Amino acid sequence: MRKVAIALAVAAGMAVVTYPGPASATPIGCSAFLYRPGSGAEGAAARCTGGTGEFRALALYTNEPGGGPKGTYYSAWERAGVGSRAIVLCPPGAKYVKSAKYELRPVW
């Protein structure tokens, strides 16, 4: 009888662990682009048009026009949805933005 009880407990635990749950979701319709608002400022922006997760923009920068990436700056996390946008501006020492990317974070 004890073996049956243990087997049922293990099976019940496995069912809970393997169940994916309907509450998790990630943003959809995402894109990233270089952001140059003027006066020499450079950065990155991202947008996600749907889903229920969060996203942020990443700006990969360099200090020389033809140089390789030196580092990355990150925006704050933003909620996905129509009209939502994440923006990060690089400080003056980071002279050139090489590329813009985005990261996704699901909401559980």
PDB file of N, CA and C in Angstrom:
ATOM      1  N   MET A   1       0.816  -1.184   0.000  1.00  0.00           N
ATOM      2  CA  MET A   1       0.000   0.000   0.000  1.00  0.00           C
ATOM      3  C   MET A   1       0.871   1.264   0.000  1.00  0.00           C
ATOM      4  N   ARG A   2       1.971   1.197   0.740  1.00  0.00           N
ATOM      5  CA  ARG A   2       2.866   2.354   0.813  1.00  0.00           C
ATOM      6  C   ARG A   2       3.470   2.651  -0.559  1.00  0.00           C
ATOM      7  N   LYS A   3       3.833   1.624  -1.321  1.00  0.00           N
ATOM      8  CA  LYS A   3       4.400   1.833  -2.651  1.00  0.00           C
ATOM      9  C   LYS A   3       3.389   2.512  -3.574  1.00  0.00           C
ATOM     10  N   VAL A   4       2.131   2.144  -3.472  1.00  0.00           N
ATOM     11  CA  VAL A   4       1.093   2.754  -4.295  1.00  0.00           C
ATOM     12  C   VAL A   4       0.944   4.230  -3.932  1.00  0.00           C
ATOM     13  N   ALA A   5       0.959   4.538  -2.647  1.00  0.00           N
ATOM     14  CA  ALA A   5       0.830   5.935  -2.212  1.00  0.00           C
ATOM     15  C   ALA A   5       2.006   6.770  -2.712  1.00  0.00           C
ATOM     16  N   ILE A   6       3.199   6.229  -2.638  1.00  0.00           N
ATOM     17  CA  ILE A   6       4.382   6.943  -3.123  1.00  0.00           C
ATOM     18  C   ILE A   6       4.305   7.140  -4.634  1.00  0.00           C
ATOM     19  N   ALA A   7       3.901   6.120  -5.356  1.00  0.00           N
ATOM     20  CA  ALA A   7       3.784   6.223  -6.807  1.00  0.00           C
ATOM     21  C   ALA A   7       2.754   7.275  -7.200  1.00  0.00           C
ATOM     22  N   LEU A   8       1.634   7.328  -6.487  1.00  0.00           N
ATOM     23  CA  LEU A   8       0.624   8.347  -6.778  1.00  0.00           C
ATOM     24  C   LEU A   8       1.138   9.751  -6.472  1.00  0.00           C
ATOM     25  N   ALA A   9       1.867   9.901  -5.383  1.00  0.00           N
ATOM     26  CA  ALA A   9       2.423  11.210  -5.024  1.00  0.00           C
ATOM     27  C   ALA A   9       3.429  11.669  -6.074  1.00  0.00           C
ATOM     28  N   VAL A  10       4.274  10.761  -6.523  1.00  0.00           N
ATOM     29  CA  VAL A  10       5.257  11.103  -7.552  1.00  0.00           C
ATOM     30  C   VAL A  10       4.550  11.466  -8.857  1.00  0.00           C
ATOM     31  N   ALA A  11       3.561  10.697  -9.245  1.00  0.00           N
ATOM     32  CA  ALA A  11       2.825  10.977 -10.479  1.00  0.00           C
ATOM     33  C   ALA A  11       2.107  12.313 -10.393  1.00  0.00           C
ATOM     34  N   ALA A  12       1.513  12.617  -9.252  1.00  0.00           N
ATOM     35  CA  ALA A  12       0.823  13.892  -9.085  1.00  0.00           C
ATOM     36  C   ALA A  12       1.818  15.042  -9.171  1.00  0.00           C
ATOM     37  N   GLY A  13       2.973  14.881  -8.559  1.00  0.00           N
ATOM     38  CA  GLY A  13       4.001  15.922  -8.621  1.00  0.00           C
ATOM     39  C   GLY A  13       4.496  16.132 -10.029  1.00  0.00           C
ATOM     40  N   MET A  14       4.653  15.069 -10.792  1.00  0.00           N
ATOM     41  CA  MET A  14       5.109  15.190 -12.173  1.00  0.00           C
ATOM     42  C   MET A  14       4.066  15.901 -13.022  1.00  0.00           C
ATOM     43  N   ALA A  15       2.800  15.640 -12.761  1.00  0.00           N
ATOM     44  CA  ALA A  15       1.747  16.293 -13.533  1.00  0.00           C
ATOM     45  C   ALA A  15       1.780  17.797 -13.305  1.00  0.00           C
ATOM     46  N   VAL A  16       2.028  18.213 -12.084  1.00  0.00           N
ATOM     47  CA  VAL A  16       2.079  19.633 -11.785  1.00  0.00           C
ATOM     48  C   VAL A  16       3.315  20.269 -12.417  1.00  0.00           C
ATOM     49  N   VAL A  17       4.439  19.592 -12.352  1.00  0.00           N
ATOM     50  CA  VAL A  17       5.679  20.138 -12.885  1.00  0.00           C
ATOM     51  C   VAL A  17       5.632  20.250 -14.403  1.00  0.00           C
ATOM     52  N   THR A  18       5.071  19.284 -15.084  1.00  0.00           N
ATOM     53  CA  THR A  18       5.089  19.288 -16.541  1.00  0.00           C
ATOM     54  C   THR A  18       3.948  20.088 -17.159  1.00  0.00           C
ATOM     55  N   TYR A  19       2.965  20.498 -16.389  1.00  0.00           N
ATOM     56  CA  TYR A  19       1.851  21.272 -16.932  1.00  0.00           C
ATOM     57  C   TYR A  19       2.332  22.674 -17.281  1.00  0.00           C
ATOM     58  N   PRO A  20       2.222  23.129 -18.547  1.00  0.00           N
ATOM     59  CA  PRO A  20       2.796  24.396 -18.956  1.00  0.00           C
ATOM     60  C   PRO A  20       2.075  25.623 -18.411  1.00  0.00           C
ATOM     61  N   GLY A  21       0.792  25.524 -18.151  1.00  0.00           N
ATOM     62  CA  GLY A  21       0.048  26.667 -17.620  1.00  0.00           C
ATOM     63  C   GLY A  21      -0.314  27.664 -18.703  1.00  0.00           C
ATOM     64  N   PRO A  22      -1.508  28.178 -18.692  1.00  0.00           N
ATOM     65  CA  PRO A  22      -1.960  29.096 -19.724  1.00  0.00           C
ATOM     66  C   PRO A  22      -1.566  30.552 -19.482  1.00  0.00           C
ATOM     67  N   ALA A  23      -0.958  30.875 -18.342  1.00  0.00           N
ATOM     68  CA  ALA A  23      -0.737  32.274 -17.987  1.00  0.00           C
ATOM     69  C   ALA A  23       0.517  32.889 -18.618  1.00  0.00           C
ATOM     70  N   SER A  24       1.406  32.090 -19.165  1.00  0.00           N
ATOM     71  CA  SER A  24       2.627  32.674 -19.713  1.00  0.00           C
ATOM     72  C   SER A  24       2.405  33.115 -21.161  1.00  0.00           C
ATOM     73  N   ALA A  25       2.998  34.253 -21.505  1.00  0.00           N
ATOM     74  CA  ALA A  25       2.890  34.757 -22.871  1.00  0.00           C
ATOM     75  C   ALA A  25       4.066  35.688 -23.129  1.00  0.00           C
ATOM     76  N   THR A  26       4.419  35.839 -24.382  1.00  0.00           N
ATOM     77  CA  THR A  26       5.510  36.738 -24.746  1.00  0.00           C
ATOM     78  C   THR A  26       4.993  37.775 -25.739  1.00  0.00           C
ATOM     79  N   PRO A  27       5.709  38.870 -25.884  1.00  0.00           N
ATOM     80  CA  PRO A  27       5.316  39.886 -26.863  1.00  0.00           C
ATOM     81  C   PRO A  27       5.395  39.357 -28.301  1.00  0.00           C
ATOM     82  N   ILE A  28       4.615  39.956 -29.171  1.00  0.00           N
ATOM     83  CA  ILE A  28       4.633  39.601 -30.597  1.00  0.00           C
ATOM     84  C   ILE A  28       4.714  40.883 -31.424  1.00  0.00           C
ATOM     85  N   GLY A  29       5.024  40.734 -32.687  1.00  0.00           N
ATOM     86  CA  GLY A  29       5.106  41.869 -33.598  1.00  0.00           C
ATOM     87  C   GLY A  29       6.202  42.848 -33.213  1.00  0.00           C
ATOM     88  N   CYS A  30       7.373  42.329 -32.837  1.00  0.00           N
ATOM     89  CA  CYS A  30       8.454  43.179 -32.328  1.00  0.00           C
ATOM     90  C   CYS A  30       9.448  43.563 -33.420  1.00  0.00           C
ATOM     91  N   SER A  31      10.007  44.757 -33.273  1.00  0.00           N
ATOM     92  CA  SER A  31      11.065  45.223 -34.165  1.00  0.00           C
ATOM     93  C   SER A  31      11.963  46.179 -33.392  1.00  0.00           C
ATOM     94  N   ALA A  32      13.194  46.322 -33.865  1.00  0.00           N
ATOM     95  CA  ALA A  32      14.159  47.244 -33.255  1.00  0.00           C
ATOM     96  C   ALA A  32      14.781  48.082 -34.364  1.00  0.00           C
ATOM     97  N   PHE A  33      15.164  49.302 -34.031  1.00  0.00           N
ATOM     98  CA  PHE A  33      15.727  50.194 -35.022  1.00  0.00           C
ATOM     99  C   PHE A  33      16.608  51.233 -34.341  1.00  0.00           C
ATOM    100  N   LEU A  34      17.532  51.811 -35.119  1.00  0.00           N
ATOM    101  CA  LEU A  34      18.376  52.884 -34.606  1.00  0.00           C
ATOM    102  C   LEU A  34      17.512  54.094 -34.301  1.00  0.00           C
ATOM    103  N   TYR A  35      17.863  54.800 -33.262  1.00  0.00           N
ATOM    104  CA  TYR A  35      17.088  55.969 -32.835  1.00  0.00           C
ATOM    105  C   TYR A  35      18.020  57.164 -32.760  1.00  0.00           C
ATOM    106  N   ARG A  36      17.749  58.185 -33.587  1.00  0.00           N
ATOM    107  CA  ARG A  36      18.565  59.405 -33.625  1.00  0.00           C
ATOM    108  C   ARG A  36      17.634  60.606 -33.515  1.00  0.00           C
ATOM    109  N   PRO A  37      17.374  61.053 -32.291  1.00  0.00           N
ATOM    110  CA  PRO A  37      16.412  62.143 -32.097  1.00  0.00           C
ATOM    111  C   PRO A  37      16.936  63.518 -32.482  1.00  0.00           C
ATOM    112  N   GLY A  38      18.221  63.637 -32.785  1.00  0.00           N
ATOM    113  CA  GLY A  38      18.795  64.921 -33.170  1.00  0.00           C
ATOM    114  C   GLY A  38      19.880  65.357 -32.203  1.00  0.00           C
ATOM    115  N   SER A  39      20.514  66.460 -32.511  1.00  0.00           N
ATOM    116  CA  SER A  39      21.606  67.051 -31.725  1.00  0.00           C
ATOM    117  C   SER A  39      22.715  66.046 -31.412  1.00  0.00           C
ATOM    118  N   GLY A  40      22.985  65.126 -32.331  1.00  0.00           N
ATOM    119  CA  GLY A  40      24.087  64.184 -32.181  1.00  0.00           C
ATOM    120  C   GLY A  40      23.819  62.985 -31.291  1.00  0.00           C
ATOM    121  N   ALA A  41      22.655  62.915 -30.683  1.00  0.00           N
ATOM    122  CA  ALA A  41      22.332  61.773 -29.814  1.00  0.00           C
ATOM    123  C   ALA A  41      22.039  60.540 -30.660  1.00  0.00           C
ATOM    124  N   GLU A  42      22.468  59.383 -30.168  1.00  0.00           N
ATOM    125  CA  GLU A  42      22.195  58.114 -30.845  1.00  0.00           C
ATOM    126  C   GLU A  42      21.765  57.078 -29.822  1.00  0.00           C
ATOM    127  N   GLY A  43      20.954  56.160 -30.272  1.00  0.00           N
ATOM    128  CA  GLY A  43      20.498  55.097 -29.388  1.00  0.00           C
ATOM    129  C   GLY A  43      19.740  54.053 -30.173  1.00  0.00           C
ATOM    130  N   ALA A  44      18.877  53.343 -29.471  1.00  0.00           N
ATOM    131  CA  ALA A  44      18.067  52.287 -30.082  1.00  0.00           C
ATOM    132  C   ALA A  44      16.646  52.386 -29.548  1.00  0.00           C
ATOM    133  N   ALA A  45      15.720  51.932 -30.353  1.00  0.00           N
ATOM    134  CA  ALA A  45      14.323  51.884 -29.946  1.00  0.00           C
ATOM    135  C   ALA A  45      13.756  50.536 -30.381  1.00  0.00           C
ATOM    136  N   ALA A  46      12.749  50.092 -29.675  1.00  0.00           N
ATOM    137  CA  ALA A  46      12.070  48.840 -30.014  1.00  0.00           C
ATOM    138  C   ALA A  46      10.582  49.020 -29.762  1.00  0.00           C
ATOM    139  N   ARG A  47       9.790  48.225 -30.478  1.00  0.00           N
ATOM    140  CA  ARG A  47       8.352  48.224 -30.231  1.00  0.00           C
ATOM    141  C   ARG A  47       7.816  46.812 -30.418  1.00  0.00           C
ATOM    142  N   CYS A  48       6.790  46.486 -29.681  1.00  0.00           N
ATOM    143  CA  CYS A  48       6.072  45.219 -29.805  1.00  0.00           C
ATOM    144  C   CYS A  48       4.588  45.555 -29.831  1.00  0.00           C
ATOM    145  N   THR A  49       3.910  45.116 -30.870  1.00  0.00           N
ATOM    146  CA  THR A  49       2.531  45.532 -31.086  1.00  0.00           C
ATOM    147  C   THR A  49       1.493  44.673 -30.373  1.00  0.00           C
ATOM    148  N   GLY A  50       1.902  43.547 -29.803  1.00  0.00           N
ATOM    149  CA  GLY A  50       0.927  42.696 -29.140  1.00  0.00           C
ATOM    150  C   GLY A  50       1.573  41.742 -28.163  1.00  0.00           C
ATOM    151  N   GLY A  51       0.766  40.844 -27.647  1.00  0.00           N
ATOM    152  CA  GLY A  51       1.229  39.907 -26.633  1.00  0.00           C
ATOM    153  C   GLY A  51       1.055  40.503 -25.250  1.00  0.00           C
ATOM    154  N   THR A  52       1.479  39.758 -24.245  1.00  0.00           N
ATOM    155  CA  THR A  52       1.272  40.234 -22.877  1.00  0.00           C
ATOM    156  C   THR A  52       2.550  40.256 -22.064  1.00  0.00           C
ATOM    157  N   GLY A  53       3.689  40.130 -22.693  1.00  0.00           N
ATOM    158  CA  GLY A  53       4.948  40.152 -21.973  1.00  0.00           C
ATOM    159  C   GLY A  53       5.586  41.526 -21.973  1.00  0.00           C
ATOM    160  N   GLU A  54       6.874  41.550 -21.693  1.00  0.00           N
ATOM    161  CA  GLU A  54       7.640  42.787 -21.666  1.00  0.00           C
ATOM    162  C   GLU A  54       8.799  42.691 -22.653  1.00  0.00           C
ATOM    163  N   PHE A  55       9.318  43.851 -23.026  1.00  0.00           N
ATOM    164  CA  PHE A  55      10.444  43.913 -23.952  1.00  0.00           C
ATOM    165  C   PHE A  55      11.299  45.114 -23.590  1.00  0.00           C
ATOM    166  N   ARG A  56      12.540  45.124 -24.102  1.00  0.00           N
ATOM    167  CA  ARG A  56      13.412  46.281 -23.938  1.00  0.00           C
ATOM    168  C   ARG A  56      14.317  46.410 -25.149  1.00  0.00           C
ATOM    169  N   ALA A  57      14.811  47.632 -25.367  1.00  0.00           N
ATOM    170  CA  ALA A  57      15.706  47.924 -26.483  1.00  0.00           C
ATOM    171  C   ALA A  57      17.154  47.784 -26.030  1.00  0.00           C
ATOM    172  N   LEU A  58      18.019  47.365 -26.961  1.00  0.00           N
ATOM    173  CA  LEU A  58      19.451  47.261 -26.721  1.00  0.00           C
ATOM    174  C   LEU A  58      20.172  48.043 -27.804  1.00  0.00           C
ATOM    175  N   ALA A  59      21.131  48.861 -27.394  1.00  0.00           N
ATOM    176  CA  ALA A  59      21.965  49.612 -28.339  1.00  0.00           C
ATOM    177  C   ALA A  59      23.389  49.097 -28.217  1.00  0.00           C
ATOM    178  N   LEU A  60      23.920  48.500 -29.267  1.00  0.00           N
ATOM    179  CA  LEU A  60      25.309  48.048 -29.303  1.00  0.00           C
ATOM    180  C   LEU A  60      26.139  49.176 -29.891  1.00  0.00           C
ATOM    181  N   TYR A  61      27.114  49.660 -29.139  1.00  0.00           N
ATOM    182  CA  TYR A  61      27.850  50.843 -29.554  1.00  0.00           C
ATOM    183  C   TYR A  61      29.338  50.570 -29.737  1.00  0.00           C
ATOM    184  N   THR A  62      30.007  51.526 -30.397  1.00  0.00           N
ATOM    185  CA  THR A  62      31.452  51.536 -30.565  1.00  0.00           C
ATOM    186  C   THR A  62      31.923  52.981 -30.474  1.00  0.00           C
ATOM    187  N   ASN A  63      33.193  53.183 -30.244  1.00  0.00           N
ATOM    188  CA  ASN A  63      33.745  54.543 -30.147  1.00  0.00           C
ATOM    189  C   ASN A  63      34.354  55.028 -31.459  1.00  0.00           C
ATOM    190  N   GLU A  64      34.453  54.152 -32.456  1.00  0.00           N
ATOM    191  CA  GLU A  64      35.030  54.507 -33.752  1.00  0.00           C
ATOM    192  C   GLU A  64      34.084  54.063 -34.857  1.00  0.00           C
ATOM    193  N   PRO A  65      33.995  54.813 -35.953  1.00  0.00           N
ATOM    194  CA  PRO A  65      33.040  54.497 -37.017  1.00  0.00           C
ATOM    195  C   PRO A  65      33.142  53.071 -37.551  1.00  0.00           C
ATOM    196  N   GLY A  66      34.359  52.567 -37.773  1.00  0.00           N
ATOM    197  CA  GLY A  66      34.509  51.227 -38.328  1.00  0.00           C
ATOM    198  C   GLY A  66      34.827  50.171 -37.290  1.00  0.00           C
ATOM    199  N   GLY A  67      34.822  50.539 -36.026  1.00  0.00           N
ATOM    200  CA  GLY A  67      35.205  49.605 -34.963  1.00  0.00           C
ATOM    201  C   GLY A  67      34.132  48.595 -34.635  1.00  0.00           C
ATOM    202  N   GLY A  68      34.573  47.536 -33.988  1.00  0.00           N
ATOM    203  CA  GLY A  68      33.635  46.511 -33.537  1.00  0.00           C
ATOM    204  C   GLY A  68      32.889  46.973 -32.297  1.00  0.00           C
ATOM    205  N   PRO A  69      31.811  46.281 -31.947  1.00  0.00           N
ATOM    206  CA  PRO A  69      31.033  46.660 -30.772  1.00  0.00           C
ATOM    207  C   PRO A  69      31.885  46.700 -29.499  1.00  0.00           C
ATOM    208  N   LYS A  70      31.706  47.741 -28.706  1.00  0.00           N
ATOM    209  CA  LYS A  70      32.436  47.909 -27.448  1.00  0.00           C
ATOM    210  C   LYS A  70      31.574  47.564 -26.242  1.00  0.00           C
ATOM    211  N   GLY A  71      30.274  47.678 -26.378  1.00  0.00           N
ATOM    212  CA  GLY A  71      29.391  47.415 -25.241  1.00  0.00           C
ATOM    213  C   GLY A  71      27.933  47.563 -25.629  1.00  0.00           C
ATOM    214  N   THR A  72      27.075  47.406 -24.644  1.00  0.00           N
ATOM    215  CA  THR A  72      25.640  47.444 -24.871  1.00  0.00           C
ATOM    216  C   THR A  72      24.968  48.293 -23.800  1.00  0.00           C
ATOM    217  N   TYR A  73      24.014  49.087 -24.200  1.00  0.00           N
ATOM    218  CA  TYR A  73      23.158  49.827 -23.273  1.00  0.00           C
ATOM    219  C   TYR A  73      21.741  49.293 -23.407  1.00  0.00           C
ATOM    220  N   TYR A  74      21.016  49.257 -22.285  1.00  0.00           N
ATOM    221  CA  TYR A  74      19.683  48.661 -22.228  1.00  0.00           C
ATOM    222  C   TYR A  74      18.656  49.704 -21.792  1.00  0.00           C
ATOM    223  N   SER A  75      17.471  49.636 -22.378  1.00  0.00           N
ATOM    224  CA  SER A  75      16.375  50.482 -21.912  1.00  0.00           C
ATOM    225  C   SER A  75      15.700  49.790 -20.727  1.00  0.00           C
ATOM    226  N   ALA A  76      14.738  50.461 -20.150  1.00  0.00           N
ATOM    227  CA  ALA A  76      13.902  49.843 -19.116  1.00  0.00           C
ATOM    228  C   ALA A  76      12.954  48.841 -19.788  1.00  0.00           C
ATOM    229  N   TRP A  77      12.439  47.891 -19.022  1.00  0.00           N
ATOM    230  CA  TRP A  77      11.455  46.943 -19.544  1.00  0.00           C
ATOM    231  C   TRP A  77      10.128  47.674 -19.737  1.00  0.00           C
ATOM    232  N   GLU A  78       9.466  47.395 -20.861  1.00  0.00           N
ATOM    233  CA  GLU A  78       8.175  48.004 -21.185  1.00  0.00           C
ATOM    234  C   GLU A  78       7.157  46.903 -21.468  1.00  0.00           C
ATOM    235  N   ARG A  79       5.889  47.176 -21.212  1.00  0.00           N
ATOM    236  CA  ARG A  79       4.816  46.239 -21.528  1.00  0.00           C
ATOM    237  C   ARG A  79       4.503  46.287 -23.015  1.00  0.00           C
ATOM    238  N   ALA A  80       4.306  45.120 -23.620  1.00  0.00           N
ATOM    239  CA  ALA A  80       3.964  45.047 -25.041  1.00  0.00           C
ATOM    240  C   ALA A  80       2.538  45.535 -25.261  1.00  0.00           C
ATOM    241  N   GLY A  81       2.294  46.087 -26.430  1.00  0.00           N
ATOM    242  CA  GLY A  81       0.954  46.528 -26.799  1.00  0.00           C
ATOM    243  C   GLY A  81       1.030  47.623 -27.835  1.00  0.00           C
ATOM    244  N   VAL A  82      -0.090  47.942 -28.430  1.00  0.00           N
ATOM    245  CA  VAL A  82      -0.146  48.973 -29.460  1.00  0.00           C
ATOM    246  C   VAL A  82       0.326  50.294 -28.868  1.00  0.00           C
ATOM    247  N   GLY A  83       1.264  50.932 -29.545  1.00  0.00           N
ATOM    248  CA  GLY A  83       1.778  52.219 -29.098  1.00  0.00           C
ATOM    249  C   GLY A  83       2.908  52.145 -28.085  1.00  0.00           C
ATOM    250  N   SER A  84       3.251  50.955 -27.624  1.00  0.00           N
ATOM    251  CA  SER A  84       4.337  50.856 -26.640  1.00  0.00           C
ATOM    252  C   SER A  84       5.690  50.920 -27.345  1.00  0.00           C
ATOM    253  N   ARG A  85       6.650  51.542 -26.654  1.00  0.00           N
ATOM    254  CA  ARG A  85       7.968  51.728 -27.249  1.00  0.00           C
ATOM    255  C   ARG A  85       9.000  51.791 -26.130  1.00  0.00           C
ATOM    256  N   ALA A  86      10.155  51.198 -26.363  1.00  0.00           N
ATOM    257  CA  ALA A  86      11.284  51.256 -25.428  1.00  0.00           C
ATOM    258  C   ALA A  86      12.421  51.992 -26.127  1.00  0.00           C
ATOM    259  N   ILE A  87      13.036  52.944 -25.421  1.00  0.00           N
ATOM    260  CA  ILE A  87      14.100  53.757 -26.012  1.00  0.00           C
ATOM    261  C   ILE A  87      15.280  53.817 -25.054  1.00  0.00           C
ATOM    262  N   VAL A  88      16.478  53.685 -25.616  1.00  0.00           N
ATOM    263  CA  VAL A  88      17.701  53.872 -24.837  1.00  0.00           C
ATOM    264  C   VAL A  88      18.628  54.785 -25.645  1.00  0.00           C
ATOM    265  N   LEU A  89      19.154  55.811 -24.980  1.00  0.00           N
ATOM    266  CA  LEU A  89      20.132  56.701 -25.597  1.00  0.00           C
ATOM    267  C   LEU A  89      21.497  56.404 -25.008  1.00  0.00           C
ATOM    268  N   CYS A  90      22.496  56.375 -25.859  1.00  0.00           N
ATOM    269  CA  CYS A  90      23.862  56.129 -25.398  1.00  0.00           C
ATOM    270  C   CYS A  90      24.449  57.429 -24.845  1.00  0.00           C
ATOM    271  N   PRO A  91      25.295  57.331 -23.826  1.00  0.00           N
ATOM    272  CA  PRO A  91      25.939  58.535 -23.301  1.00  0.00           C
ATOM    273  C   PRO A  91      26.936  59.098 -24.317  1.00  0.00           C
ATOM    274  N   PRO A  92      27.385  60.347 -24.144  1.00  0.00           N
ATOM    275  CA  PRO A  92      28.268  60.992 -25.126  1.00  0.00           C
ATOM    276  C   PRO A  92      29.542  60.206 -25.452  1.00  0.00           C
ATOM    277  N   GLY A  93      30.118  59.464 -24.531  1.00  0.00           N
ATOM    278  CA  GLY A  93      31.345  58.713 -24.806  1.00  0.00           C
ATOM    279  C   GLY A  93      31.153  57.567 -25.786  1.00  0.00           C
ATOM    280  N   ALA A  94      29.954  57.055 -25.892  1.00  0.00           N
ATOM    281  CA  ALA A  94      29.636  55.981 -26.833  1.00  0.00           C
ATOM    282  C   ALA A  94      29.176  56.640 -28.127  1.00  0.00           C
ATOM    283  N   LYS A  95      30.110  56.877 -29.040  1.00  0.00           N
ATOM    284  CA  LYS A  95      29.858  57.754 -30.169  1.00  0.00           C
ATOM    285  C   LYS A  95      28.989  57.169 -31.274  1.00  0.00           C
ATOM    286  N   TYR A  96      29.075  55.872 -31.508  1.00  0.00           N
ATOM    287  CA  TYR A  96      28.396  55.298 -32.665  1.00  0.00           C
ATOM    288  C   TYR A  96      27.599  54.056 -32.261  1.00  0.00           C
ATOM    289  N   VAL A  97      26.347  54.039 -32.644  1.00  0.00           N
ATOM    290  CA  VAL A  97      25.518  52.856 -32.417  1.00  0.00           C
ATOM    291  C   VAL A  97      25.687  51.941 -33.619  1.00  0.00           C
ATOM    292  N   LYS A  98      26.151  50.713 -33.361  1.00  0.00           N
ATOM    293  CA  LYS A  98      26.376  49.744 -34.441  1.00  0.00           C
ATOM    294  C   LYS A  98      25.083  49.043 -34.847  1.00  0.00           C
ATOM    295  N   SER A  99      24.264  48.685 -33.862  1.00  0.00           N
ATOM    296  CA  SER A  99      23.014  48.003 -34.178  1.00  0.00           C
ATOM    297  C   SER A  99      22.033  48.136 -33.026  1.00  0.00           C
ATOM    298  N   ALA A 100      20.785  47.899 -33.354  1.00  0.00           N
ATOM    299  CA  ALA A 100      19.700  47.938 -32.380  1.00  0.00           C
ATOM    300  C   ALA A 100      19.063  46.556 -32.331  1.00  0.00           C
ATOM    301  N   LYS A 101      18.775  46.098 -31.126  1.00  0.00           N
ATOM    302  CA  LYS A 101      18.129  44.801 -30.929  1.00  0.00           C
ATOM    303  C   LYS A 101      17.075  44.936 -29.838  1.00  0.00           C
ATOM    304  N   TYR A 102      16.342  43.841 -29.615  1.00  0.00           N
ATOM    305  CA  TYR A 102      15.389  43.818 -28.505  1.00  0.00           C
ATOM    306  C   TYR A 102      15.471  42.490 -27.785  1.00  0.00           C
ATOM    307  N   GLU A 103      15.053  42.496 -26.524  1.00  0.00           N
ATOM    308  CA  GLU A 103      14.960  41.281 -25.717  1.00  0.00           C
ATOM    309  C   GLU A 103      13.517  41.158 -25.245  1.00  0.00           C
ATOM    310  N   LEU A 104      13.059  39.921 -25.099  1.00  0.00           N
ATOM    311  CA  LEU A 104      11.712  39.645 -24.640  1.00  0.00           C
ATOM    312  C   LEU A 104      11.726  38.993 -23.263  1.00  0.00           C
ATOM    313  N   ARG A 105      10.702  39.296 -22.477  1.00  0.00           N
ATOM    314  CA  ARG A 105      10.545  38.674 -21.163  1.00  0.00           C
ATOM    315  C   ARG A 105       9.075  38.311 -20.999  1.00  0.00           C
ATOM    316  N   PRO A 106       8.788  37.021 -20.853  1.00  0.00           N
ATOM    317  CA  PRO A 106       7.383  36.617 -20.699  1.00  0.00           C
ATOM    318  C   PRO A 106       6.834  37.035 -19.341  1.00  0.00           C
ATOM    319  N   VAL A 107       5.538  37.181 -19.283  1.00  0.00           N
ATOM    320  CA  VAL A 107       4.842  37.449 -18.024  1.00  0.00           C
ATOM    321  C   VAL A 107       4.213  36.147 -17.579  1.00  0.00           C
ATOM    322  N   TRP A 108       4.454  35.768 -16.361  1.00  0.00           N
ATOM    323  CA  TRP A 108       3.933  34.492 -15.842  1.00  0.00           C
ATOM    324  C   TRP A 108       2.705  34.713 -15.015  1.00  0.00           C
TER     325      TRP A 108
END
